Amino acid sequence: MCGRYTIALERDDVEERFDAAFDAPFAPRYNAAPGQQLPVITNDAPERIRRLEWGLVPSWAEDDGDGLINARAKTVDEKPSFREAFERRRCLVPADGFYEWVETDDGKRPYRVAFEDDRPFAMAGLWDRWEPETTQAGLEAFGGGADVDEDGDEPLETFTIVTTEPNDLVADLHHRMAVILDPADERRWLAGEDPRDLLEPYPADEMRAYPVSTAVNDPSIDDPSLLEAADG
């Protein structure tokens, strides 16, 4: 699975790599975690880098709790939670590494997985928009029909990361890994009619994995020291 990741890049570098502009302030992230507002590029606005909450809440859900952080590639086009998003609402999740945990005699040990040159990449994602129950406002009061939320709440936009079988490197750490897209395939993932063939493990040849501090276990810790290699 993918439960934490990094995007330890400056704003200008992210915008140049993905040919898109942030619509809100951005700072490098060394411990991106579920429930946080994180940068994504959605298919309906490929020129913008927006911030959505990690943990997908389907549009039809009764409430906005229990967001789904991962979607299995094998069933992403079948499961009700993801089927519509796979067909209509795909996104790119910019990153430059992700964390996995390995069981050891001393407990779980975190590892960071990244390209050897630490270059940025896009993980395949899905997004959705959940709206609170609305009530039809009085036509006379508004001069026409309008859906207005009784509590004034904004719609909740969320995303999930698609995972697939691990490559030879990640297989030593976990039984699944995030789908990393080849740069040439990123726009097809956003707009292609049937991009299921893209949901394969990225080859391990140019990637590395190394142990990092257990400080990454705490999502409130988010600083560059988390990227440093620790004693194995």
C-alpha atoms as a PDB file:
ATOM      1  CA  MET A   1       0.000   0.000   0.000  1.00  0.00           C
ATOM      2  CA  CYS A   2       0.982   3.642   0.035  1.00  0.00           C
ATOM      3  CA  GLY A   3       0.337   5.295   3.396  1.00  0.00           C
ATOM      4  CA  ARG A   4       2.955   8.090   3.461  1.00  0.00           C
ATOM      5  CA  TYR A   5       4.981   9.846   0.800  1.00  0.00           C
ATOM      6  CA  THR A   6       7.243  12.802   0.107  1.00  0.00           C
ATOM      7  CA  ILE A   7       7.237  15.727  -2.282  1.00  0.00           C
ATOM      8  CA  ALA A   8      10.418  17.428  -1.109  1.00  0.00           C
ATOM      9  CA  LEU A   9      10.577  19.953  -3.941  1.00  0.00           C
ATOM     10  CA  GLU A  10      10.287  23.685  -4.280  1.00  0.00           C
ATOM     11  CA  ARG A  11       7.174  25.169  -5.824  1.00  0.00           C
ATOM     12  CA  ASP A  12       8.873  26.225  -9.064  1.00  0.00           C
ATOM     13  CA  ASP A  13      10.339  22.757  -9.594  1.00  0.00           C
ATOM     14  CA  VAL A  14       6.958  21.077  -9.199  1.00  0.00           C
ATOM     15  CA  GLU A  15       5.284  23.523 -11.588  1.00  0.00           C
ATOM     16  CA  GLU A  16       7.990  23.075 -14.210  1.00  0.00           C
ATOM     17  CA  ARG A  17       7.961  19.276 -13.998  1.00  0.00           C
ATOM     18  CA  PHE A  18       4.188  18.962 -14.349  1.00  0.00           C
ATOM     19  CA  ASP A  19       3.568  21.997 -16.582  1.00  0.00           C
ATOM     20  CA  ALA A  20       0.898  23.246 -14.183  1.00  0.00           C
ATOM     21  CA  ALA A  21       0.580  26.090 -11.668  1.00  0.00           C
ATOM     22  CA  PHE A  22      -0.313  25.929  -7.987  1.00  0.00           C
ATOM     23  CA  ASP A  23      -3.527  27.695  -7.053  1.00  0.00           C
ATOM     24  CA  ALA A  24      -2.478  28.011  -3.382  1.00  0.00           C
ATOM     25  CA  PRO A  25       0.763  28.362  -1.383  1.00  0.00           C
ATOM     26  CA  PHE A  26       2.974  25.269  -1.287  1.00  0.00           C
ATOM     27  CA  ALA A  27       5.900  24.116   0.836  1.00  0.00           C
ATOM     28  CA  PRO A  28       7.901  20.871   0.485  1.00  0.00           C
ATOM     29  CA  ARG A  29       6.379  17.880   2.269  1.00  0.00           C
ATOM     30  CA  TYR A  30       8.556  15.222   3.884  1.00  0.00           C
ATOM     31  CA  ASN A  31       5.807  13.181   5.526  1.00  0.00           C
ATOM     32  CA  ALA A  32       2.575  13.514   3.560  1.00  0.00           C
ATOM     33  CA  ALA A  33      -0.110  11.591   5.450  1.00  0.00           C
ATOM     34  CA  PRO A  34      -3.791  10.628   5.073  1.00  0.00           C
ATOM     35  CA  GLY A  35      -6.258  13.328   6.065  1.00  0.00           C
ATOM     36  CA  GLN A  36      -3.950  16.133   4.925  1.00  0.00           C
ATOM     37  CA  GLN A  37      -4.588  18.586   2.106  1.00  0.00           C
ATOM     38  CA  LEU A  38      -2.036  17.664  -0.576  1.00  0.00           C
ATOM     39  CA  PRO A  39      -1.272  18.719  -4.168  1.00  0.00           C
ATOM     40  CA  VAL A  40      -2.909  16.869  -7.047  1.00  0.00           C
ATOM     41  CA  ILE A  41      -3.609  17.536 -10.712  1.00  0.00           C
ATOM     42  CA  THR A  42      -7.149  16.603 -11.690  1.00  0.00           C
ATOM     43  CA  ASN A  43      -8.394  15.656 -15.125  1.00  0.00           C
ATOM     44  CA  ASP A  44     -10.868  18.545 -15.211  1.00  0.00           C
ATOM     45  CA  ALA A  45      -8.118  21.153 -14.624  1.00  0.00           C
ATOM     46  CA  PRO A  46      -4.799  19.727 -15.877  1.00  0.00           C
ATOM     47  CA  GLU A  47      -3.183  23.170 -15.911  1.00  0.00           C
ATOM     48  CA  ARG A  48      -3.662  23.615 -12.144  1.00  0.00           C
ATOM     49  CA  ILE A  49      -2.161  21.980  -9.069  1.00  0.00           C
ATOM     50  CA  ARG A  50      -4.891  21.883  -6.461  1.00  0.00           C
ATOM     51  CA  ARG A  51      -4.985  20.703  -2.857  1.00  0.00           C
ATOM     52  CA  LEU A  52      -7.359  17.861  -2.034  1.00  0.00           C
ATOM     53  CA  GLU A  53      -7.685  15.772   1.112  1.00  0.00           C
ATOM     54  CA  TRP A  54      -6.011  12.374   1.016  1.00  0.00           C
ATOM     55  CA  GLY A  55      -8.675   9.741   1.695  1.00  0.00           C
ATOM     56  CA  LEU A  56     -11.354   9.380  -0.972  1.00  0.00           C
ATOM     57  CA  VAL A  57     -14.971   9.842   0.074  1.00  0.00           C
ATOM     58  CA  PRO A  58     -17.313   8.713  -2.733  1.00  0.00           C
ATOM     59  CA  SER A  59     -19.870  11.267  -3.855  1.00  0.00           C
ATOM     60  CA  TRP A  60     -22.685   8.909  -2.804  1.00  0.00           C
ATOM     61  CA  ALA A  61     -21.409   8.281   0.749  1.00  0.00           C
ATOM     62  CA  GLU A  62     -23.812   9.029   3.586  1.00  0.00           C
ATOM     63  CA  ASP A  63     -21.173  11.035   5.454  1.00  0.00           C
ATOM     64  CA  ASP A  64     -17.641  12.329   4.982  1.00  0.00           C
ATOM     65  CA  GLY A  65     -15.859   9.914   7.320  1.00  0.00           C
ATOM     66  CA  ASP A  66     -13.449   7.022   6.706  1.00  0.00           C
ATOM     67  CA  GLY A  67     -11.746   8.156   3.510  1.00  0.00           C
ATOM     68  CA  LEU A  68     -10.081   5.450   1.397  1.00  0.00           C
ATOM     69  CA  ILE A  69      -6.360   6.156   0.948  1.00  0.00           C
ATOM     70  CA  ASN A  70      -5.640   3.412  -1.622  1.00  0.00           C
ATOM     71  CA  ALA A  71      -7.477   1.712  -4.477  1.00  0.00           C
ATOM     72  CA  ARG A  72      -6.342  -1.674  -5.799  1.00  0.00           C
ATOM     73  CA  ALA A  73      -5.567  -1.575  -9.520  1.00  0.00           C
ATOM     74  CA  LYS A  74      -7.043  -5.051  -9.995  1.00  0.00           C
ATOM     75  CA  THR A  75     -10.556  -3.974  -8.987  1.00  0.00           C
ATOM     76  CA  VAL A  76     -10.493  -0.197  -9.453  1.00  0.00           C
ATOM     77  CA  ASP A  77     -12.937  -0.376 -12.357  1.00  0.00           C
ATOM     78  CA  GLU A  78     -15.322  -2.678 -10.477  1.00  0.00           C
ATOM     79  CA  LYS A  79     -15.670  -1.584  -6.855  1.00  0.00           C
ATOM     80  CA  PRO A  80     -18.506   0.893  -6.248  1.00  0.00           C
ATOM     81  CA  SER A  81     -16.220   3.200  -4.233  1.00  0.00           C
ATOM     82  CA  PHE A  82     -13.910   3.734  -7.216  1.00  0.00           C
ATOM     83  CA  ARG A  83     -15.719   2.705 -10.409  1.00  0.00           C
ATOM     84  CA  GLU A  84     -17.191   6.096 -11.292  1.00  0.00           C
ATOM     85  CA  ALA A  85     -14.034   7.958 -10.311  1.00  0.00           C
ATOM     86  CA  PHE A  86     -11.953   5.623 -12.503  1.00  0.00           C
ATOM     87  CA  GLU A  87     -14.187   6.395 -15.450  1.00  0.00           C
ATOM     88  CA  ARG A  88     -14.554  10.148 -14.920  1.00  0.00           C
ATOM     89  CA  ARG A  89     -12.269  11.595 -12.220  1.00  0.00           C
ATOM     90  CA  ARG A  90      -8.607  10.643 -12.419  1.00  0.00           C
ATOM     91  CA  CYS A  91      -5.694  12.635 -11.069  1.00  0.00           C
ATOM     92  CA  LEU A  92      -1.912  12.781 -10.817  1.00  0.00           C
ATOM     93  CA  VAL A  93      -0.363  12.800  -7.347  1.00  0.00           C
ATOM     94  CA  PRO A  94       3.073  14.487  -7.527  1.00  0.00           C
ATOM     95  CA  ALA A  95       5.747  12.875  -5.348  1.00  0.00           C
ATOM     96  CA  ASP A  96       9.453  12.100  -5.183  1.00  0.00           C
ATOM     97  CA  GLY A  97       9.328   9.125  -2.829  1.00  0.00           C
ATOM     98  CA  PHE A  98       7.113   7.035  -0.580  1.00  0.00           C
ATOM     99  CA  TYR A  99       7.524   5.135   2.674  1.00  0.00           C
ATOM    100  CA  GLU A 100       6.972   1.475   3.458  1.00  0.00           C
ATOM    101  CA  TRP A 101       7.343  -0.383   6.755  1.00  0.00           C
ATOM    102  CA  VAL A 102       9.053  -3.741   7.280  1.00  0.00           C
ATOM    103  CA  GLU A 103       8.476  -6.044  10.226  1.00  0.00           C
ATOM    104  CA  THR A 104      11.698  -6.701  12.186  1.00  0.00           C
ATOM    105  CA  ASP A 105      12.561  -8.242  15.544  1.00  0.00           C
ATOM    106  CA  ASP A 106      12.635  -4.699  16.948  1.00  0.00           C
ATOM    107  CA  GLY A 107       9.313  -3.637  15.463  1.00  0.00           C
ATOM    108  CA  LYS A 108       8.367  -2.016  12.185  1.00  0.00           C
ATOM    109  CA  ARG A 109      11.202  -0.310  10.310  1.00  0.00           C
ATOM    110  CA  PRO A 110      10.379   2.499   7.827  1.00  0.00           C
ATOM    111  CA  TYR A 111      12.044   2.647   4.419  1.00  0.00           C
ATOM    112  CA  ARG A 112      11.901   5.355   1.806  1.00  0.00           C
ATOM    113  CA  VAL A 113      11.530   4.295  -1.829  1.00  0.00           C
ATOM    114  CA  ALA A 114      12.588   6.759  -4.535  1.00  0.00           C
ATOM    115  CA  PHE A 115      14.408   7.036  -7.829  1.00  0.00           C
ATOM    116  CA  GLU A 116      18.177   6.952  -7.534  1.00  0.00           C
ATOM    117  CA  ASP A 117      18.377  10.561  -8.718  1.00  0.00           C
ATOM    118  CA  ASP A 118      15.412  11.615  -6.525  1.00  0.00           C
ATOM    119  CA  ARG A 119      13.532  12.886  -9.558  1.00  0.00           C
ATOM    120  CA  PRO A 120       9.840  13.692  -9.134  1.00  0.00           C
ATOM    121  CA  PHE A 121       7.144  11.407 -10.488  1.00  0.00           C
ATOM    122  CA  ALA A 122       3.370  11.110 -10.614  1.00  0.00           C
ATOM    123  CA  MET A 123       1.394   8.424  -8.848  1.00  0.00           C
ATOM    124  CA  ALA A 124      -1.915   7.413 -10.416  1.00  0.00           C
ATOM    125  CA  GLY A 125      -4.828   8.725  -8.382  1.00  0.00           C
ATOM    126  CA  LEU A 126      -8.598   9.074  -8.361  1.00  0.00           C
ATOM    127  CA  TRP A 127     -10.575  11.951  -6.926  1.00  0.00           C
ATOM    128  CA  ASP A 128     -14.160  12.675  -5.978  1.00  0.00           C
ATOM    129  CA  ARG A 129     -16.383  15.428  -4.650  1.00  0.00           C
ATOM    130  CA  TRP A 130     -18.710  14.809  -1.702  1.00  0.00           C
ATOM    131  CA  GLU A 131     -21.389  17.363  -0.894  1.00  0.00           C
ATOM    132  CA  PRO A 132     -23.467  17.654   2.270  1.00  0.00           C
ATOM    133  CA  GLU A 133     -27.201  17.290   1.917  1.00  0.00           C
ATOM    134  CA  THR A 134     -28.661  20.379   0.333  1.00  0.00           C
ATOM    135  CA  THR A 135     -32.020  21.996   0.478  1.00  0.00           C
ATOM    136  CA  GLN A 136     -33.728  23.842  -2.289  1.00  0.00           C
ATOM    137  CA  ALA A 137     -33.823  27.467  -1.282  1.00  0.00           C
ATOM    138  CA  GLY A 138     -37.025  29.416  -1.761  1.00  0.00           C
ATOM    139  CA  LEU A 139     -37.328  30.691  -5.282  1.00  0.00           C
ATOM    140  CA  GLU A 140     -38.722  34.005  -4.197  1.00  0.00           C
ATOM    141  CA  ALA A 141     -35.883  34.695  -1.764  1.00  0.00           C
ATOM    142  CA  PHE A 142     -33.165  34.014  -4.339  1.00  0.00           C
ATOM    143  CA  GLY A 143     -34.899  34.996  -7.509  1.00  0.00           C
ATOM    144  CA  GLY A 144     -34.498  31.473  -8.874  1.00  0.00           C
ATOM    145  CA  GLY A 145     -33.561  27.917  -7.960  1.00  0.00           C
ATOM    146  CA  ALA A 146     -30.329  27.321  -6.005  1.00  0.00           C
ATOM    147  CA  ASP A 147     -28.977  24.447  -3.969  1.00  0.00           C
ATOM    148  CA  VAL A 148     -27.806  25.799  -0.629  1.00  0.00           C
ATOM    149  CA  ASP A 149     -26.288  23.707   2.152  1.00  0.00           C
ATOM    150  CA  GLU A 150     -28.185  24.264   5.377  1.00  0.00           C
ATOM    151  CA  ASP A 151     -24.968  24.605   7.405  1.00  0.00           C
ATOM    152  CA  GLY A 152     -23.031  26.542   4.780  1.00  0.00           C
ATOM    153  CA  ASP A 153     -20.474  23.708   4.405  1.00  0.00           C
ATOM    154  CA  GLU A 154     -18.279  23.551   1.312  1.00  0.00           C
ATOM    155  CA  PRO A 155     -18.094  20.386  -0.804  1.00  0.00           C
ATOM    156  CA  LEU A 156     -15.301  18.012   0.244  1.00  0.00           C
ATOM    157  CA  GLU A 157     -12.839  17.054  -2.502  1.00  0.00           C
ATOM    158  CA  THR A 158     -10.696  14.011  -1.798  1.00  0.00           C
ATOM    159  CA  PHE A 159      -8.309  11.634  -3.555  1.00  0.00           C
ATOM    160  CA  THR A 160      -6.890   8.129  -3.331  1.00  0.00           C
ATOM    161  CA  ILE A 161      -3.699   6.552  -4.689  1.00  0.00           C
ATOM    162  CA  VAL A 162      -3.946   3.507  -6.945  1.00  0.00           C
ATOM    163  CA  THR A 163      -1.741   0.568  -5.921  1.00  0.00           C
ATOM    164  CA  THR A 164      -0.572  -2.479  -7.833  1.00  0.00           C
ATOM    165  CA  GLU A 165       1.738  -5.480  -7.483  1.00  0.00           C
ATOM    166  CA  PRO A 166       5.221  -4.573  -6.209  1.00  0.00           C
ATOM    167  CA  ASN A 167       8.308  -4.497  -8.408  1.00  0.00           C
ATOM    168  CA  ASP A 168      11.374  -6.520  -7.420  1.00  0.00           C
ATOM    169  CA  LEU A 169      12.632  -3.770  -5.094  1.00  0.00           C
ATOM    170  CA  VAL A 170       9.408  -3.067  -3.230  1.00  0.00           C
ATOM    171  CA  ALA A 171       8.534  -6.764  -2.968  1.00  0.00           C
ATOM    172  CA  ASP A 172      11.081  -7.033  -0.152  1.00  0.00           C
ATOM    173  CA  LEU A 173       9.176  -4.345   1.757  1.00  0.00           C
ATOM    174  CA  HIS A 174       5.485  -4.795   0.973  1.00  0.00           C
ATOM    175  CA  HIS A 175       3.072  -6.762  -1.191  1.00  0.00           C
ATOM    176  CA  ARG A 176       1.742  -3.663  -2.970  1.00  0.00           C
ATOM    177  CA  MET A 177       3.142  -0.383  -4.262  1.00  0.00           C
ATOM    178  CA  ALA A 178       1.808   2.853  -5.681  1.00  0.00           C
ATOM    179  CA  VAL A 179       1.318   2.995  -9.441  1.00  0.00           C
ATOM    180  CA  ILE A 180       4.104   5.234 -10.732  1.00  0.00           C
ATOM    181  CA  LEU A 181       3.330   6.561 -14.193  1.00  0.00           C
ATOM    182  CA  ASP A 182       5.880   7.018 -16.945  1.00  0.00           C
ATOM    183  CA  PRO A 183       5.948  10.763 -17.767  1.00  0.00           C
ATOM    184  CA  ALA A 184       4.845   9.967 -21.319  1.00  0.00           C
ATOM    185  CA  ASP A 185       1.707   8.299 -19.950  1.00  0.00           C
ATOM    186  CA  GLU A 186       0.607  10.913 -17.405  1.00  0.00           C
ATOM    187  CA  ARG A 187      -1.762  12.803 -19.698  1.00  0.00           C
ATOM    188  CA  ARG A 188      -3.271   9.570 -20.986  1.00  0.00           C
ATOM    189  CA  TRP A 189      -3.989   8.549 -17.403  1.00  0.00           C
ATOM    190  CA  LEU A 190      -5.871  11.817 -16.976  1.00  0.00           C
ATOM    191  CA  ALA A 191      -7.812  11.737 -20.229  1.00  0.00           C
ATOM    192  CA  GLY A 192      -7.559   8.292 -21.833  1.00  0.00           C
ATOM    193  CA  GLU A 193     -10.701   6.231 -22.369  1.00  0.00           C
ATOM    194  CA  ASP A 194      -9.278   2.992 -20.948  1.00  0.00           C
ATOM    195  CA  PRO A 195      -5.903   3.389 -19.186  1.00  0.00           C
ATOM    196  CA  ARG A 196      -5.972   0.074 -17.303  1.00  0.00           C
ATOM    197  CA  ASP A 197      -2.790  -1.045 -19.091  1.00  0.00           C
ATOM    198  CA  LEU A 198      -0.908   1.712 -17.238  1.00  0.00           C
ATOM    199  CA  LEU A 199      -1.580   0.160 -13.836  1.00  0.00           C
ATOM    200  CA  GLU A 200       1.568  -1.971 -13.771  1.00  0.00           C
ATOM    201  CA  PRO A 201       4.498  -1.883 -11.328  1.00  0.00           C
ATOM    202  CA  TYR A 202       7.215   0.543 -12.372  1.00  0.00           C
ATOM    203  CA  PRO A 203      10.488  -1.267 -13.179  1.00  0.00           C
ATOM    204  CA  ALA A 204      12.900  -1.359 -10.235  1.00  0.00           C
ATOM    205  CA  ASP A 205      16.087  -0.738 -12.235  1.00  0.00           C
ATOM    206  CA  GLU A 206      16.375   2.986 -11.466  1.00  0.00           C
ATOM    207  CA  MET A 207      14.934   2.906  -7.960  1.00  0.00           C
ATOM    208  CA  ARG A 208      16.391   2.535  -4.473  1.00  0.00           C
ATOM    209  CA  ALA A 209      15.093   1.820  -0.984  1.00  0.00           C
ATOM    210  CA  TYR A 210      16.830   2.777   2.244  1.00  0.00           C
ATOM    211  CA  PRO A 211      15.960   2.807   5.955  1.00  0.00           C
ATOM    212  CA  VAL A 212      14.946   6.095   7.568  1.00  0.00           C
ATOM    213  CA  SER A 213      14.257   7.322  11.086  1.00  0.00           C
ATOM    214  CA  THR A 214      11.232   5.999  12.951  1.00  0.00           C
ATOM    215  CA  ALA A 215      10.348   9.670  13.458  1.00  0.00           C
ATOM    216  CA  VAL A 216       8.391   9.320  10.222  1.00  0.00           C
ATOM    217  CA  ASN A 217       5.869   7.262  12.205  1.00  0.00           C
ATOM    218  CA  ASP A 218       4.560  10.524  13.646  1.00  0.00           C
ATOM    219  CA  PRO A 219       2.650  12.447  10.934  1.00  0.00           C
ATOM    220  CA  SER A 220       3.116  15.691  12.860  1.00  0.00           C
ATOM    221  CA  ILE A 221       6.874  15.519  12.145  1.00  0.00           C
ATOM    222  CA  ASP A 222       7.522  16.945   8.702  1.00  0.00           C
ATOM    223  CA  ASP A 223      11.109  18.109   8.150  1.00  0.00           C
ATOM    224  CA  PRO A 224      14.056  17.300   5.838  1.00  0.00           C
ATOM    225  CA  SER A 225      15.754  15.033   8.375  1.00  0.00           C
ATOM    226  CA  LEU A 226      13.183  12.348   7.556  1.00  0.00           C
ATOM    227  CA  LEU A 227      14.848  11.864   4.145  1.00  0.00           C
ATOM    228  CA  GLU A 228      18.227  10.982   5.649  1.00  0.00           C
ATOM    229  CA  ALA A 229      19.356   7.376   5.628  1.00  0.00           C
ATOM    230  CA  ALA A 230      19.384   5.716   9.036  1.00  0.00           C
ATOM    231  CA  ASP A 231      21.373   2.724  10.222  1.00  0.00           C
ATOM    232  CA  GLY A 232      19.790  -0.446   8.894  1.00  0.00           C
END
